[in-house]
Amino acid sequence: MRGKLVELAKTVEKKLAPLGFKSDKEFKPHITVFRIKNKIGDITDELVKYSNEKFGSQKISGIKFKKSILTPSGPIYSDLQEIKASR
């Protein structure tokens, strides 16, 4: 699955390049589970406890392109576009 997401990201980058958009860093597929506003130290040991845990699977019905503006009172999110899955 990771390879397909990277491939999709590269396709999107190629399509947007003629419009003047350029990626500022390599795409790394991820899901943001939470954000830490104030750094509390290294949580690696805490995460390692769950490294073999199965959290299930999720069927993807679409992709939303989001915009996030980080402010002192927290992020402000807005939807840019949604693409529904065709299957």
C-alpha atoms as a PDB file:
ATOM      1  CA  MET A   1       0.000   0.000   0.000  1.00  0.00           C
ATOM      2  CA  ARG A   2       2.827   2.405   0.883  1.00  0.00           C
ATOM      3  CA  GLY A   3       4.193   2.144  -2.652  1.00  0.00           C
ATOM      4  CA  LYS A   4       0.836   3.010  -4.175  1.00  0.00           C
ATOM      5  CA  LEU A   5       0.519   6.108  -1.989  1.00  0.00           C
ATOM      6  CA  VAL A   6       4.013   7.272  -2.925  1.00  0.00           C
ATOM      7  CA  GLU A   7       3.185   6.655  -6.593  1.00  0.00           C
ATOM      8  CA  LEU A   8      -0.015   8.692  -6.244  1.00  0.00           C
ATOM      9  CA  ALA A   9       1.898  11.538  -4.588  1.00  0.00           C
ATOM     10  CA  LYS A  10       4.417  11.585  -7.446  1.00  0.00           C
ATOM     11  CA  THR A  11       1.591  11.692  -9.990  1.00  0.00           C
ATOM     12  CA  VAL A  12      -0.013  14.628  -8.165  1.00  0.00           C
ATOM     13  CA  GLU A  13       3.340  16.448  -8.022  1.00  0.00           C
ATOM     14  CA  LYS A  14       3.847  15.981 -11.781  1.00  0.00           C
ATOM     15  CA  LYS A  15       0.352  17.305 -12.534  1.00  0.00           C
ATOM     16  CA  LEU A  16       0.853  20.352 -10.304  1.00  0.00           C
ATOM     17  CA  ALA A  17       4.378  21.203 -11.515  1.00  0.00           C
ATOM     18  CA  PRO A  18       3.180  23.103 -14.645  1.00  0.00           C
ATOM     19  CA  LEU A  19       1.068  25.284 -12.328  1.00  0.00           C
ATOM     20  CA  GLY A  20       4.148  26.321 -10.360  1.00  0.00           C
ATOM     21  CA  PHE A  21       3.744  23.989  -7.398  1.00  0.00           C
ATOM     22  CA  LYS A  22       6.843  22.233  -6.109  1.00  0.00           C
ATOM     23  CA  SER A  23       7.152  19.831  -3.201  1.00  0.00           C
ATOM     24  CA  ASP A  24       9.300  21.175  -0.384  1.00  0.00           C
ATOM     25  CA  LYS A  25      10.095  17.704   0.982  1.00  0.00           C
ATOM     26  CA  GLU A  26       9.794  14.011   0.171  1.00  0.00           C
ATOM     27  CA  PHE A  27       6.282  12.612   0.600  1.00  0.00           C
ATOM     28  CA  LYS A  28       5.948  10.206   3.512  1.00  0.00           C
ATOM     29  CA  PRO A  29       2.517   8.538   3.801  1.00  0.00           C
ATOM     30  CA  HIS A  30       1.170   9.001   7.303  1.00  0.00           C
ATOM     31  CA  ILE A  31      -1.859   9.547   9.437  1.00  0.00           C
ATOM     32  CA  THR A  32      -1.716  12.235  12.068  1.00  0.00           C
ATOM     33  CA  VAL A  33      -3.123  10.643  15.208  1.00  0.00           C
ATOM     34  CA  PHE A  34      -2.366  13.572  17.474  1.00  0.00           C
ATOM     35  CA  ARG A  35      -0.196  16.646  17.691  1.00  0.00           C
ATOM     36  CA  ILE A  36       1.803  17.747  20.681  1.00  0.00           C
ATOM     37  CA  LYS A  37       1.643  21.508  21.083  1.00  0.00           C
ATOM     38  CA  ASN A  38       4.388  21.739  23.695  1.00  0.00           C
ATOM     39  CA  LYS A  39       7.221  19.264  23.406  1.00  0.00           C
ATOM     40  CA  ILE A  40       7.161  16.978  26.443  1.00  0.00           C
ATOM     41  CA  GLY A  41      10.291  14.969  25.779  1.00  0.00           C
ATOM     42  CA  ASP A  42      11.034  11.726  23.996  1.00  0.00           C
ATOM     43  CA  ILE A  43       7.987   9.428  23.800  1.00  0.00           C
ATOM     44  CA  THR A  44       9.788   6.674  21.882  1.00  0.00           C
ATOM     45  CA  ASP A  45       9.746   4.242  24.815  1.00  0.00           C
ATOM     46  CA  GLU A  46       6.017   4.762  25.245  1.00  0.00           C
ATOM     47  CA  LEU A  47       5.349   4.102  21.542  1.00  0.00           C
ATOM     48  CA  VAL A  48       7.530   0.966  21.505  1.00  0.00           C
ATOM     49  CA  LYS A  49       5.076  -0.653  23.928  1.00  0.00           C
ATOM     50  CA  TYR A  50       2.507  -0.709  21.109  1.00  0.00           C
ATOM     51  CA  SER A  51       4.778  -1.635  18.191  1.00  0.00           C
ATOM     52  CA  ASN A  52       3.269  -5.133  17.838  1.00  0.00           C
ATOM     53  CA  GLU A  53      -0.305  -4.057  18.522  1.00  0.00           C
ATOM     54  CA  LYS A  54      -2.939  -4.632  15.820  1.00  0.00           C
ATOM     55  CA  PHE A  55      -5.211  -1.630  15.450  1.00  0.00           C
ATOM     56  CA  GLY A  56      -7.400  -3.049  12.682  1.00  0.00           C
ATOM     57  CA  SER A  57      -7.983  -1.752   9.192  1.00  0.00           C
ATOM     58  CA  GLN A  58     -10.004   1.025   7.653  1.00  0.00           C
ATOM     59  CA  LYS A  59     -11.693   1.123   4.258  1.00  0.00           C
ATOM     60  CA  ILE A  60     -10.904   4.371   2.458  1.00  0.00           C
ATOM     61  CA  SER A  61     -13.928   5.920   0.753  1.00  0.00           C
ATOM     62  CA  GLY A  62     -12.197   9.085  -0.380  1.00  0.00           C
ATOM     63  CA  ILE A  63      -9.323  11.487   0.111  1.00  0.00           C
ATOM     64  CA  LYS A  64      -9.610  15.019   1.425  1.00  0.00           C
ATOM     65  CA  PHE A  65      -6.922  17.540   0.691  1.00  0.00           C
ATOM     66  CA  LYS A  66      -6.667  19.681   3.800  1.00  0.00           C
ATOM     67  CA  LYS A  67      -5.130  23.023   4.574  1.00  0.00           C
ATOM     68  CA  SER A  68      -3.858  23.624   8.080  1.00  0.00           C
ATOM     69  CA  ILE A  69      -2.863  26.983   9.477  1.00  0.00           C
ATOM     70  CA  LEU A  70      -0.966  26.652  12.730  1.00  0.00           C
ATOM     71  CA  THR A  71      -1.852  29.400  15.192  1.00  0.00           C
ATOM     72  CA  PRO A  72      -0.889  29.947  18.847  1.00  0.00           C
ATOM     73  CA  SER A  73      -4.379  28.786  19.878  1.00  0.00           C
ATOM     74  CA  GLY A  74      -4.192  25.636  17.745  1.00  0.00           C
ATOM     75  CA  PRO A  75      -4.437  24.563  14.112  1.00  0.00           C
ATOM     76  CA  ILE A  76      -7.238  25.769  11.862  1.00  0.00           C
ATOM     77  CA  TYR A  77      -8.237  23.154   9.281  1.00  0.00           C
ATOM     78  CA  SER A  78     -10.198  23.607   6.088  1.00  0.00           C
ATOM     79  CA  ASP A  79     -11.028  21.250   3.217  1.00  0.00           C
ATOM     80  CA  LEU A  80      -9.514  22.147  -0.124  1.00  0.00           C
ATOM     81  CA  GLN A  81     -10.984  19.295  -2.156  1.00  0.00           C
ATOM     82  CA  GLU A  82     -12.466  15.843  -1.668  1.00  0.00           C
ATOM     83  CA  ILE A  83     -12.107  12.960  -4.107  1.00  0.00           C
ATOM     84  CA  LYS A  84     -14.500  10.045  -3.598  1.00  0.00           C
ATOM     85  CA  ALA A  85     -13.258   6.505  -4.192  1.00  0.00           C
ATOM     86  CA  SER A  86     -14.552   4.919  -7.377  1.00  0.00           C
ATOM     87  CA  ARG A  87     -14.934   1.392  -6.025  1.00  0.00           C
END
